[in-house]
Amino acid sequence: MEENQNFETPTQFAPAPKRKINKRFIYLIGLVIFLFVAFLGYSFLGSQTSTNNQNASQTPTPTEFIIPTDTPTPSVEAEKTPTPTEKPTDTPTPRPTQNPLDSATGLDRSNLKVTVQNGSGEAGVAKKGVDLLVSLGYDVASPQNADKEDYIGVTVQLKAGSSKYLNLLKNDLSKEYTVSTSSSDLADSFSTDALVIIGK
C-alpha cells in the first residue's frame, strides 16, 4: 500500500490567491493623505497667524480720567433748562375754530366721542371728516377704514344714550357731506359714542 498518495486539498481550504496591489493605488492613497495633512497644517497655522495679526492690530485706547476740581462744570441737565431770555416753544394743540357749545340746542360737542371711518376706499377721506369734526369741537378718535368700501353718502350711528346729539351731528356733517343714513342703534360695546362712515 502506498501511503504516499497525493492528497489534493479541497478548493475550499486552499489559500486565496494573492492579489497584486497596484503601485498607482498606493501612490494615490499616499497623495490623499499628504493633501489632508497639508490642509490641516495650513488651517492650523493660518488660524494662528490671523489671531496674531488681530492681536497686533488691536492697540489699547487711552482712557480719560476725570479729576475732581472745586469749580463746577456744566452738566447735561443744566444745558436743558431754559435761560430767562429763551422763550419755551409751545406745542400746538388742535383747537376748535368755533365754540363747541351749540347755541340752538345747548349741547356741548366736546362731550361726544366720535369715530370716523373711510367707507369709500379713497385715501384721505376719513381724515378730511376728522378735520371737519375737530374744527367744530367734537372729540374725535383716529380715522379708520370701514368694513367695506362701497358706502354711498355718509352713515351716522349713535348709541342710544347719545341720541340727543343725532340731529346736531347730522346738521354739522351736512355742511360738507350728504348724510344718507342715520340711526341711534350703535352697539353699547362700541368704543366711542358715535360712528361716522364716509362713503362715495
N, C-alpha and C. Protein backbone atom coordinates (compact mmCIF):
# COMPACT_ATOMS: atom_id res chain seq x y z
N MET A 1 0.79 -1.14 0.00
CA MET A 1 0.00 0.00 0.00
C MET A 1 0.85 1.23 0.00
N GLU A 2 0.40 1.87 -0.74
CA GLU A 2 1.21 3.05 -0.89
C GLU A 2 0.56 4.19 -0.10
N GLU A 3 1.27 4.62 0.85
CA GLU A 3 0.72 5.66 1.69
C GLU A 3 1.09 7.04 1.20
N ASN A 4 1.74 7.04 0.26
CA ASN A 4 2.22 8.30 -0.26
C ASN A 4 1.27 8.83 -1.32
N GLN A 5 0.11 8.78 -1.02
CA GLN A 5 -0.83 9.26 -2.02
C GLN A 5 -0.83 10.78 -2.02
N ASN A 6 -1.04 11.24 -3.14
CA ASN A 6 -1.11 12.70 -3.24
C ASN A 6 -2.48 13.15 -2.76
N PHE A 7 -2.41 13.85 -1.72
CA PHE A 7 -3.66 14.39 -1.22
C PHE A 7 -3.89 15.75 -1.86
N GLU A 8 -4.97 15.81 -2.47
CA GLU A 8 -5.32 17.11 -3.04
C GLU A 8 -6.20 17.85 -2.03
N THR A 9 -5.83 18.99 -1.80
CA THR A 9 -6.62 19.76 -0.84
C THR A 9 -7.86 20.28 -1.54
N PRO A 10 -8.90 20.20 -0.86
CA PRO A 10 -10.13 20.71 -1.48
C PRO A 10 -10.00 22.22 -1.71
N THR A 11 -10.73 22.65 -2.67
CA THR A 11 -10.62 24.05 -3.06
C THR A 11 -11.12 25.00 -1.98
N GLN A 12 -11.95 24.52 -1.12
CA GLN A 12 -12.44 25.40 -0.08
C GLN A 12 -11.39 25.71 0.97
N PHE A 13 -10.39 24.83 1.09
CA PHE A 13 -9.35 25.07 2.07
C PHE A 13 -8.10 25.65 1.45
N ALA A 14 -8.16 25.90 0.20
CA ALA A 14 -6.97 26.41 -0.49
C ALA A 14 -6.78 27.88 -0.14
N PRO A 15 -5.55 28.31 0.06
CA PRO A 15 -5.33 29.72 0.36
C PRO A 15 -5.73 30.58 -0.84
N ALA A 16 -6.25 31.75 -0.52
CA ALA A 16 -6.70 32.66 -1.57
C ALA A 16 -5.49 33.14 -2.34
N PRO A 17 -5.66 33.29 -3.62
CA PRO A 17 -4.52 33.76 -4.39
C PRO A 17 -4.20 35.21 -4.00
N LYS A 18 -2.95 35.52 -3.94
CA LYS A 18 -2.53 36.86 -3.54
C LYS A 18 -2.79 37.82 -4.69
N ARG A 19 -3.37 38.95 -4.28
CA ARG A 19 -3.63 39.98 -5.28
C ARG A 19 -2.43 40.89 -5.32
N LYS A 20 -2.15 41.28 -6.44
CA LYS A 20 -1.08 42.24 -6.57
C LYS A 20 -1.68 43.63 -6.35
N ILE A 21 -1.08 44.36 -5.45
CA ILE A 21 -1.54 45.72 -5.19
C ILE A 21 -0.87 46.63 -6.20
N ASN A 22 -1.70 47.34 -6.85
CA ASN A 22 -1.23 48.23 -7.90
C ASN A 22 -0.46 49.39 -7.27
N LYS A 23 0.68 49.72 -7.80
CA LYS A 23 1.50 50.80 -7.27
C LYS A 23 0.81 52.15 -7.43
N ARG A 24 0.05 52.29 -8.46
CA ARG A 24 -0.66 53.56 -8.66
C ARG A 24 -1.66 53.81 -7.52
N PHE A 25 -2.31 52.76 -7.08
CA PHE A 25 -3.27 52.87 -5.99
C PHE A 25 -2.57 53.33 -4.71
N ILE A 26 -1.41 52.77 -4.44
CA ILE A 26 -0.66 53.14 -3.25
C ILE A 26 -0.24 54.61 -3.33
N TYR A 27 0.23 55.03 -4.50
CA TYR A 27 0.61 56.43 -4.67
C TYR A 27 -0.60 57.36 -4.50
N LEU A 28 -1.75 56.94 -4.99
CA LEU A 28 -2.96 57.75 -4.86
C LEU A 28 -3.35 57.90 -3.39
N ILE A 29 -3.31 56.81 -2.62
CA ILE A 29 -3.64 56.87 -1.20
C ILE A 29 -2.64 57.78 -0.48
N GLY A 30 -1.38 57.64 -0.80
CA GLY A 30 -0.35 58.48 -0.19
C GLY A 30 -0.57 59.95 -0.50
N LEU A 31 -0.94 60.27 -1.74
CA LEU A 31 -1.19 61.65 -2.13
C LEU A 31 -2.38 62.23 -1.37
N VAL A 32 -3.45 61.46 -1.21
CA VAL A 32 -4.63 61.92 -0.48
C VAL A 32 -4.27 62.20 0.97
N ILE A 33 -3.51 61.30 1.59
CA ILE A 33 -3.11 61.51 2.98
C ILE A 33 -2.23 62.75 3.10
N PHE A 34 -1.31 62.93 2.17
CA PHE A 34 -0.44 64.10 2.19
C PHE A 34 -1.25 65.39 2.06
N LEU A 35 -2.21 65.41 1.14
CA LEU A 35 -3.03 66.61 0.96
C LEU A 35 -3.86 66.91 2.21
N PHE A 36 -4.37 65.86 2.85
CA PHE A 36 -5.17 66.03 4.05
C PHE A 36 -4.32 66.63 5.18
N VAL A 37 -3.12 66.09 5.36
CA VAL A 37 -2.23 66.60 6.39
C VAL A 37 -1.81 68.04 6.07
N ALA A 38 -1.56 68.32 4.80
CA ALA A 38 -1.18 69.68 4.41
C ALA A 38 -2.32 70.66 4.68
N PHE A 39 -3.55 70.24 4.40
CA PHE A 39 -4.71 71.10 4.65
C PHE A 39 -4.86 71.38 6.14
N LEU A 40 -4.75 70.34 6.96
CA LEU A 40 -4.85 70.54 8.41
C LEU A 40 -3.75 71.46 8.92
N GLY A 41 -2.54 71.25 8.44
CA GLY A 41 -1.43 72.10 8.86
C GLY A 41 -1.64 73.54 8.46
N TYR A 42 -2.10 73.77 7.24
CA TYR A 42 -2.33 75.13 6.76
C TYR A 42 -3.43 75.81 7.57
N SER A 43 -4.53 75.08 7.81
CA SER A 43 -5.63 75.70 8.55
C SER A 43 -5.22 75.99 9.98
N PHE A 44 -4.42 75.13 10.58
CA PHE A 44 -3.96 75.38 11.94
C PHE A 44 -3.01 76.58 11.97
N LEU A 45 -2.06 76.60 11.07
CA LEU A 45 -1.10 77.70 11.04
C LEU A 45 -1.76 79.00 10.58
N GLY A 46 -2.70 78.89 9.64
CA GLY A 46 -3.40 80.08 9.16
C GLY A 46 -4.23 80.72 10.25
N SER A 47 -4.88 79.90 11.09
CA SER A 47 -5.68 80.48 12.17
C SER A 47 -4.79 81.11 13.22
N GLN A 48 -3.62 80.55 13.46
CA GLN A 48 -2.70 81.15 14.42
C GLN A 48 -2.19 82.49 13.91
N THR A 49 -1.91 82.56 12.61
CA THR A 49 -1.40 83.79 12.03
C THR A 49 -2.45 84.89 12.08
N SER A 50 -3.72 84.55 11.78
CA SER A 50 -4.76 85.58 11.78
C SER A 50 -5.03 86.10 13.18
N THR A 51 -4.97 85.23 14.20
CA THR A 51 -5.17 85.73 15.56
C THR A 51 -4.00 86.58 16.00
N ASN A 52 -2.79 86.23 15.55
CA ASN A 52 -1.63 87.07 15.88
C ASN A 52 -1.75 88.44 15.23
N ASN A 53 -2.24 88.48 13.99
CA ASN A 53 -2.42 89.76 13.30
C ASN A 53 -3.48 90.60 14.00
N GLN A 54 -4.55 89.94 14.46
CA GLN A 54 -5.60 90.68 15.15
C GLN A 54 -5.08 91.25 16.45
N ASN A 55 -4.31 90.45 17.17
CA ASN A 55 -3.77 90.94 18.44
C ASN A 55 -2.80 92.09 18.21
N ALA A 56 -2.03 92.00 17.11
CA ALA A 56 -1.07 93.06 16.83
C ALA A 56 -1.78 94.35 16.42
N SER A 57 -2.92 94.23 15.69
CA SER A 57 -3.61 95.43 15.22
C SER A 57 -4.45 96.08 16.30
N GLN A 58 -4.77 95.37 17.36
CA GLN A 58 -5.56 95.94 18.43
C GLN A 58 -4.63 96.60 19.44
N THR A 59 -4.74 97.88 19.51
CA THR A 59 -3.93 98.61 20.47
C THR A 59 -4.85 99.18 21.51
N PRO A 60 -4.42 99.22 22.72
CA PRO A 60 -5.30 99.76 23.76
C PRO A 60 -5.50 101.25 23.55
N THR A 61 -6.73 101.69 23.81
CA THR A 61 -7.03 103.10 23.69
C THR A 61 -6.89 103.75 25.05
N PRO A 62 -6.37 104.93 25.08
CA PRO A 62 -6.20 105.58 26.38
C PRO A 62 -7.56 105.99 26.94
N THR A 63 -7.70 105.87 28.23
CA THR A 63 -8.95 106.27 28.88
C THR A 63 -8.76 107.63 29.53
N GLU A 64 -9.84 108.36 29.56
CA GLU A 64 -9.78 109.68 30.17
C GLU A 64 -10.18 109.57 31.63
N PHE A 65 -9.44 110.22 32.45
CA PHE A 65 -9.75 110.24 33.86
C PHE A 65 -10.31 111.61 34.21
N ILE A 66 -11.38 111.60 34.96
CA ILE A 66 -11.97 112.86 35.41
C ILE A 66 -11.36 113.19 36.77
N ILE A 67 -10.70 114.30 36.80
CA ILE A 67 -10.04 114.73 38.04
C ILE A 67 -10.97 115.73 38.72
N PRO A 68 -11.36 115.44 39.94
CA PRO A 68 -12.28 116.35 40.62
C PRO A 68 -11.63 117.71 40.89
N THR A 69 -12.40 118.75 40.65
CA THR A 69 -11.94 120.12 40.91
C THR A 69 -12.97 120.83 41.76
N ASP A 70 -12.60 121.98 42.26
CA ASP A 70 -13.51 122.75 43.09
C ASP A 70 -14.51 123.55 42.26
N THR A 71 -14.21 123.80 41.00
CA THR A 71 -15.12 124.59 40.17
C THR A 71 -16.13 123.66 39.51
N PRO A 72 -17.40 124.01 39.57
CA PRO A 72 -18.41 123.14 38.95
C PRO A 72 -18.37 123.26 37.43
N THR A 73 -18.67 122.16 36.80
CA THR A 73 -18.75 122.14 35.34
C THR A 73 -20.21 122.02 34.94
N PRO A 74 -20.59 122.58 33.81
CA PRO A 74 -21.99 122.48 33.41
C PRO A 74 -22.35 121.03 33.10
N SER A 75 -23.51 120.62 33.54
CA SER A 75 -23.96 119.26 33.28
C SER A 75 -24.99 119.28 32.16
N VAL A 76 -25.39 118.10 31.76
CA VAL A 76 -26.38 117.98 30.68
C VAL A 76 -27.71 118.57 31.13
N GLU A 77 -28.06 118.36 32.40
CA GLU A 77 -29.32 118.90 32.90
C GLU A 77 -29.31 120.42 32.90
N ALA A 78 -28.16 121.01 33.19
CA ALA A 78 -28.06 122.46 33.21
C ALA A 78 -28.24 123.04 31.81
N GLU A 79 -27.80 122.30 30.80
CA GLU A 79 -27.94 122.79 29.43
C GLU A 79 -29.40 122.74 28.97
N LYS A 80 -30.19 121.83 29.52
CA LYS A 80 -31.57 121.68 29.07
C LYS A 80 -32.50 122.72 29.68
N THR A 81 -32.13 123.27 30.81
CA THR A 81 -33.01 124.26 31.43
C THR A 81 -32.93 125.55 30.64
N PRO A 82 -34.08 126.14 30.32
CA PRO A 82 -34.06 127.36 29.51
C PRO A 82 -33.55 128.54 30.33
N THR A 83 -32.87 129.40 29.66
CA THR A 83 -32.40 130.63 30.30
C THR A 83 -33.55 131.63 30.28
N PRO A 84 -33.49 132.66 31.10
CA PRO A 84 -34.59 133.62 31.14
C PRO A 84 -34.84 134.31 29.80
N THR A 85 -33.83 134.41 28.96
CA THR A 85 -34.02 135.08 27.68
C THR A 85 -34.67 134.15 26.65
N GLU A 86 -34.56 132.83 26.88
CA GLU A 86 -35.17 131.90 25.93
C GLU A 86 -36.67 131.82 26.18
N LYS A 87 -37.40 131.73 25.11
CA LYS A 87 -38.83 131.57 25.23
C LYS A 87 -39.16 130.11 24.93
N PRO A 88 -39.81 129.40 25.85
CA PRO A 88 -40.12 127.99 25.58
C PRO A 88 -41.08 127.87 24.40
N THR A 89 -40.85 126.84 23.63
CA THR A 89 -41.70 126.64 22.45
C THR A 89 -43.00 125.99 22.88
N ASP A 90 -44.08 126.47 22.34
CA ASP A 90 -45.39 125.91 22.64
C ASP A 90 -45.69 124.80 21.66
N THR A 91 -46.27 123.72 22.17
CA THR A 91 -46.69 122.63 21.31
C THR A 91 -48.11 122.93 20.86
N PRO A 92 -48.32 123.03 19.56
CA PRO A 92 -49.67 123.36 19.11
C PRO A 92 -50.62 122.19 19.36
N THR A 93 -51.77 122.52 19.91
CA THR A 93 -52.81 121.51 20.12
C THR A 93 -53.99 121.90 19.26
N PRO A 94 -54.62 120.90 18.66
CA PRO A 94 -55.77 121.24 17.81
C PRO A 94 -56.90 121.80 18.66
N ARG A 95 -57.35 122.96 18.28
CA ARG A 95 -58.45 123.61 18.98
C ARG A 95 -59.59 123.83 18.00
N PRO A 96 -60.78 123.76 18.49
CA PRO A 96 -61.90 124.01 17.59
C PRO A 96 -61.88 125.46 17.12
N THR A 97 -62.27 125.65 15.86
CA THR A 97 -62.29 127.01 15.33
C THR A 97 -63.55 127.74 15.75
N GLN A 98 -64.52 126.99 16.26
CA GLN A 98 -65.71 127.65 16.79
C GLN A 98 -66.05 127.03 18.14
N ASN A 99 -66.95 127.65 18.85
CA ASN A 99 -67.34 127.20 20.18
C ASN A 99 -67.98 125.82 20.09
N PRO A 100 -67.50 124.85 20.89
CA PRO A 100 -68.10 123.52 20.82
C PRO A 100 -69.53 123.47 21.37
N LEU A 101 -69.96 124.51 22.03
CA LEU A 101 -71.31 124.55 22.59
C LEU A 101 -72.27 125.07 21.52
N ASP A 102 -73.27 124.27 21.17
CA ASP A 102 -74.25 124.66 20.15
C ASP A 102 -75.24 125.64 20.78
N SER A 103 -75.41 126.78 20.16
CA SER A 103 -76.27 127.82 20.74
C SER A 103 -77.75 127.45 20.65
N ALA A 104 -78.15 126.70 19.63
CA ALA A 104 -79.57 126.37 19.46
C ALA A 104 -80.01 125.28 20.42
N THR A 105 -79.20 124.24 20.60
CA THR A 105 -79.61 123.10 21.42
C THR A 105 -78.99 123.12 22.81
N GLY A 106 -77.89 123.85 22.97
CA GLY A 106 -77.20 123.87 24.26
C GLY A 106 -76.31 122.66 24.48
N LEU A 107 -76.14 121.82 23.45
CA LEU A 107 -75.31 120.62 23.58
C LEU A 107 -73.84 120.97 23.38
N ASP A 108 -73.00 120.36 24.18
CA ASP A 108 -71.55 120.57 24.07
C ASP A 108 -70.96 119.46 23.19
N ARG A 109 -70.47 119.86 22.02
CA ARG A 109 -69.93 118.89 21.06
C ARG A 109 -68.73 118.13 21.63
N SER A 110 -67.97 118.75 22.51
CA SER A 110 -66.77 118.10 23.05
C SER A 110 -67.10 116.92 23.96
N ASN A 111 -68.37 116.78 24.35
CA ASN A 111 -68.79 115.65 25.18
C ASN A 111 -69.13 114.42 24.35
N LEU A 112 -69.13 114.52 23.03
CA LEU A 112 -69.46 113.39 22.16
C LEU A 112 -68.17 112.86 21.54
N LYS A 113 -67.85 111.62 21.84
CA LYS A 113 -66.65 110.97 21.28
C LYS A 113 -67.06 110.28 19.99
N VAL A 114 -66.40 110.64 18.87
CA VAL A 114 -66.80 110.19 17.53
C VAL A 114 -65.66 109.41 16.88
N THR A 115 -66.03 108.32 16.19
CA THR A 115 -65.09 107.57 15.35
C THR A 115 -65.48 107.83 13.90
N VAL A 116 -64.49 108.19 13.07
CA VAL A 116 -64.74 108.43 11.65
C VAL A 116 -64.05 107.32 10.87
N GLN A 117 -64.81 106.68 9.97
CA GLN A 117 -64.27 105.59 9.15
C GLN A 117 -64.40 105.93 7.68
N ASN A 118 -63.44 105.46 6.90
CA ASN A 118 -63.44 105.65 5.45
C ASN A 118 -64.18 104.47 4.82
N GLY A 119 -65.32 104.74 4.22
CA GLY A 119 -66.10 103.70 3.56
C GLY A 119 -66.10 103.85 2.06
N SER A 120 -65.21 104.69 1.52
CA SER A 120 -65.18 104.93 0.08
C SER A 120 -64.03 104.22 -0.61
N GLY A 121 -62.99 103.86 0.12
CA GLY A 121 -61.82 103.24 -0.50
C GLY A 121 -60.82 104.24 -1.02
N GLU A 122 -61.14 105.53 -0.97
CA GLU A 122 -60.23 106.58 -1.43
C GLU A 122 -59.41 107.07 -0.25
N ALA A 123 -58.13 107.31 -0.47
CA ALA A 123 -57.24 107.73 0.60
C ALA A 123 -57.57 109.14 1.07
N GLY A 124 -57.52 109.35 2.39
CA GLY A 124 -57.68 110.68 2.96
C GLY A 124 -59.10 111.11 3.23
N VAL A 125 -60.09 110.30 2.89
CA VAL A 125 -61.49 110.70 3.07
C VAL A 125 -61.82 110.81 4.55
N ALA A 126 -61.42 109.83 5.33
CA ALA A 126 -61.73 109.85 6.77
C ALA A 126 -60.99 111.01 7.45
N LYS A 127 -59.79 111.28 7.04
CA LYS A 127 -59.01 112.38 7.64
C LYS A 127 -59.69 113.72 7.42
N LYS A 128 -60.28 113.89 6.24
CA LYS A 128 -61.00 115.14 5.94
C LYS A 128 -62.21 115.27 6.87
N GLY A 129 -62.90 114.17 7.11
CA GLY A 129 -64.03 114.19 8.04
C GLY A 129 -63.61 114.46 9.46
N VAL A 130 -62.48 113.88 9.86
CA VAL A 130 -61.95 114.13 11.20
C VAL A 130 -61.64 115.62 11.36
N ASP A 131 -60.99 116.20 10.37
CA ASP A 131 -60.64 117.62 10.44
C ASP A 131 -61.88 118.50 10.59
N LEU A 132 -62.93 118.16 9.85
CA LEU A 132 -64.17 118.93 9.94
C LEU A 132 -64.76 118.85 11.35
N LEU A 133 -64.86 117.63 11.88
CA LEU A 133 -65.48 117.47 13.20
C LEU A 133 -64.62 118.08 14.31
N VAL A 134 -63.31 117.99 14.20
CA VAL A 134 -62.44 118.61 15.20
C VAL A 134 -62.58 120.12 15.17
N SER A 135 -62.70 120.69 13.97
CA SER A 135 -62.86 122.15 13.88
C SER A 135 -64.17 122.61 14.49
N LEU A 136 -65.15 121.72 14.56
CA LEU A 136 -66.43 122.07 15.17
C LEU A 136 -66.44 121.83 16.68
N GLY A 137 -65.40 121.14 17.19
CA GLY A 137 -65.29 120.94 18.63
C GLY A 137 -65.59 119.54 19.10
N TYR A 138 -65.81 118.59 18.21
CA TYR A 138 -66.07 117.21 18.63
C TYR A 138 -64.78 116.54 19.11
N ASP A 139 -64.95 115.57 19.99
CA ASP A 139 -63.83 114.74 20.46
C ASP A 139 -63.76 113.54 19.50
N VAL A 140 -62.76 113.56 18.61
CA VAL A 140 -62.70 112.58 17.52
C VAL A 140 -61.51 111.65 17.71
N ALA A 141 -61.78 110.34 17.55
CA ALA A 141 -60.71 109.33 17.61
C ALA A 141 -59.97 109.30 16.28
N SER A 142 -58.92 108.53 16.20
CA SER A 142 -58.13 108.40 14.96
C SER A 142 -58.99 107.85 13.84
N PRO A 143 -58.77 108.31 12.61
CA PRO A 143 -59.55 107.79 11.48
C PRO A 143 -59.23 106.32 11.24
N GLN A 144 -60.23 105.59 10.74
CA GLN A 144 -60.09 104.16 10.48
C GLN A 144 -60.69 103.84 9.12
N ASN A 145 -60.49 102.60 8.68
CA ASN A 145 -61.14 102.10 7.48
C ASN A 145 -62.39 101.34 7.88
N ALA A 146 -63.44 101.49 7.10
CA ALA A 146 -64.69 100.78 7.37
C ALA A 146 -64.56 99.32 6.95
N ASP A 147 -65.58 98.52 7.30
CA ASP A 147 -65.55 97.10 6.98
C ASP A 147 -65.68 96.84 5.49
N LYS A 148 -66.24 97.77 4.75
CA LYS A 148 -66.33 97.65 3.29
C LYS A 148 -66.11 99.02 2.67
N GLU A 149 -65.93 99.05 1.34
CA GLU A 149 -65.57 100.30 0.67
C GLU A 149 -66.63 100.77 -0.32
N ASP A 150 -67.86 100.35 -0.16
CA ASP A 150 -68.88 100.73 -1.13
C ASP A 150 -70.05 101.47 -0.48
N TYR A 151 -69.78 102.22 0.57
CA TYR A 151 -70.82 103.02 1.19
C TYR A 151 -71.15 104.20 0.27
N ILE A 152 -72.42 104.57 0.26
CA ILE A 152 -72.88 105.72 -0.51
C ILE A 152 -73.29 106.80 0.48
N GLY A 153 -72.73 107.99 0.32
CA GLY A 153 -73.06 109.08 1.24
C GLY A 153 -72.42 108.85 2.60
N VAL A 154 -72.98 109.52 3.61
CA VAL A 154 -72.45 109.43 4.97
C VAL A 154 -73.46 108.70 5.84
N THR A 155 -72.95 107.73 6.60
CA THR A 155 -73.77 106.97 7.55
C THR A 155 -73.40 107.43 8.95
N VAL A 156 -74.42 107.79 9.75
CA VAL A 156 -74.21 108.25 11.11
C VAL A 156 -74.94 107.31 12.05
N GLN A 157 -74.21 106.79 13.04
CA GLN A 157 -74.82 105.92 14.05
C GLN A 157 -74.39 106.42 15.42
N LEU A 158 -75.33 106.50 16.35
CA LEU A 158 -75.05 106.91 17.72
C LEU A 158 -75.57 105.85 18.67
N LYS A 159 -74.98 105.81 19.85
CA LYS A 159 -75.51 104.94 20.90
C LYS A 159 -76.81 105.55 21.40
N ALA A 160 -77.67 104.72 21.96
CA ALA A 160 -78.98 105.19 22.43
C ALA A 160 -78.82 106.28 23.49
N GLY A 161 -77.81 106.18 24.32
CA GLY A 161 -77.59 107.18 25.37
C GLY A 161 -77.13 108.53 24.84
N SER A 162 -76.67 108.56 23.60
CA SER A 162 -76.19 109.82 22.99
C SER A 162 -77.09 110.27 21.86
N SER A 163 -78.30 109.76 21.79
CA SER A 163 -79.19 110.06 20.66
C SER A 163 -79.57 111.54 20.58
N LYS A 164 -79.44 112.29 21.66
CA LYS A 164 -79.78 113.71 21.63
C LYS A 164 -78.83 114.49 20.71
N TYR A 165 -77.64 113.92 20.40
CA TYR A 165 -76.68 114.57 19.51
C TYR A 165 -76.91 114.25 18.04
N LEU A 166 -77.88 113.37 17.72
CA LEU A 166 -78.05 112.89 16.35
C LEU A 166 -78.31 114.04 15.37
N ASN A 167 -79.29 114.87 15.65
CA ASN A 167 -79.61 115.96 14.72
C ASN A 167 -78.48 116.98 14.62
N LEU A 168 -77.81 117.27 15.73
CA LEU A 168 -76.69 118.21 15.71
C LEU A 168 -75.56 117.67 14.84
N LEU A 169 -75.22 116.40 15.01
CA LEU A 169 -74.14 115.80 14.22
C LEU A 169 -74.51 115.75 12.75
N LYS A 170 -75.76 115.40 12.45
CA LYS A 170 -76.21 115.38 11.05
C LYS A 170 -76.12 116.77 10.43
N ASN A 171 -76.57 117.77 11.15
CA ASN A 171 -76.52 119.14 10.62
C ASN A 171 -75.08 119.60 10.40
N ASP A 172 -74.20 119.27 11.33
CA ASP A 172 -72.80 119.67 11.17
C ASP A 172 -72.15 118.98 9.97
N LEU A 173 -72.46 117.71 9.78
CA LEU A 173 -71.88 116.97 8.64
C LEU A 173 -72.48 117.41 7.32
N SER A 174 -73.74 117.86 7.33
CA SER A 174 -74.40 118.24 6.08
C SER A 174 -73.79 119.51 5.47
N LYS A 175 -72.95 120.20 6.21
CA LYS A 175 -72.25 121.37 5.64
C LYS A 175 -71.26 120.95 4.56
N GLU A 176 -70.72 119.71 4.66
CA GLU A 176 -69.72 119.22 3.70
C GLU A 176 -70.17 117.95 2.98
N TYR A 177 -71.09 117.20 3.57
CA TYR A 177 -71.44 115.88 3.04
C TYR A 177 -72.95 115.72 2.92
N THR A 178 -73.34 114.67 2.20
CA THR A 178 -74.74 114.28 2.14
C THR A 178 -74.94 113.12 3.09
N VAL A 179 -75.73 113.32 4.14
CA VAL A 179 -75.98 112.27 5.12
C VAL A 179 -77.10 111.41 4.57
N SER A 180 -76.78 110.15 4.26
CA SER A 180 -77.77 109.26 3.65
C SER A 180 -78.48 108.40 4.68
N THR A 181 -77.81 108.03 5.75
CA THR A 181 -78.42 107.15 6.76
C THR A 181 -78.01 107.64 8.14
N SER A 182 -78.99 107.65 9.06
CA SER A 182 -78.67 108.00 10.45
C SER A 182 -79.55 107.18 11.37
N SER A 183 -78.97 106.78 12.52
CA SER A 183 -79.73 105.98 13.47
C SER A 183 -79.10 106.09 14.85
N SER A 184 -79.86 105.66 15.85
CA SER A 184 -79.37 105.64 17.23
C SER A 184 -79.28 104.20 17.72
N ASP A 185 -78.78 103.32 16.87
CA ASP A 185 -78.71 101.89 17.23
C ASP A 185 -77.28 101.35 17.27
N LEU A 186 -76.33 102.21 17.56
CA LEU A 186 -74.94 101.77 17.66
C LEU A 186 -74.79 100.91 18.92
N ALA A 187 -74.08 99.81 18.80
CA ALA A 187 -73.92 98.87 19.93
C ALA A 187 -73.23 99.56 21.10
N ASP A 188 -73.69 99.24 22.30
CA ASP A 188 -73.10 99.83 23.50
C ASP A 188 -71.65 99.39 23.69
N SER A 189 -71.26 98.29 23.06
CA SER A 189 -69.88 97.80 23.19
C SER A 189 -68.91 98.56 22.28
N PHE A 190 -69.43 99.43 21.40
CA PHE A 190 -68.56 100.19 20.51
C PHE A 190 -67.71 101.15 21.34
N SER A 191 -66.50 101.42 20.89
CA SER A 191 -65.53 102.17 21.69
C SER A 191 -65.87 103.65 21.87
N THR A 192 -66.63 104.24 20.96
CA THR A 192 -66.98 105.66 21.09
C THR A 192 -68.50 105.81 21.08
N ASP A 193 -68.96 107.06 21.28
CA ASP A 193 -70.41 107.33 21.35
C ASP A 193 -71.06 107.36 19.98
N ALA A 194 -70.28 107.71 18.95
CA ALA A 194 -70.85 107.87 17.61
C ALA A 194 -69.89 107.29 16.58
N LEU A 195 -70.48 106.83 15.47
CA LEU A 195 -69.71 106.31 14.34
C LEU A 195 -70.17 107.03 13.09
N VAL A 196 -69.21 107.61 12.37
CA VAL A 196 -69.49 108.29 11.11
C VAL A 196 -68.70 107.56 10.03
N ILE A 197 -69.42 107.00 9.04
CA ILE A 197 -68.77 106.31 7.92
C ILE A 197 -68.97 107.18 6.69
N ILE A 198 -67.87 107.61 6.10
CA ILE A 198 -67.93 108.49 4.93
C ILE A 198 -67.73 107.64 3.69
N GLY A 199 -68.78 107.59 2.85
CA GLY A 199 -68.73 106.81 1.62
C GLY A 199 -68.47 107.68 0.41
N LYS A 200 -68.82 107.12 -0.75
CA LYS A 200 -68.59 107.82 -2.03
C LYS A 200 -69.66 108.84 -2.28
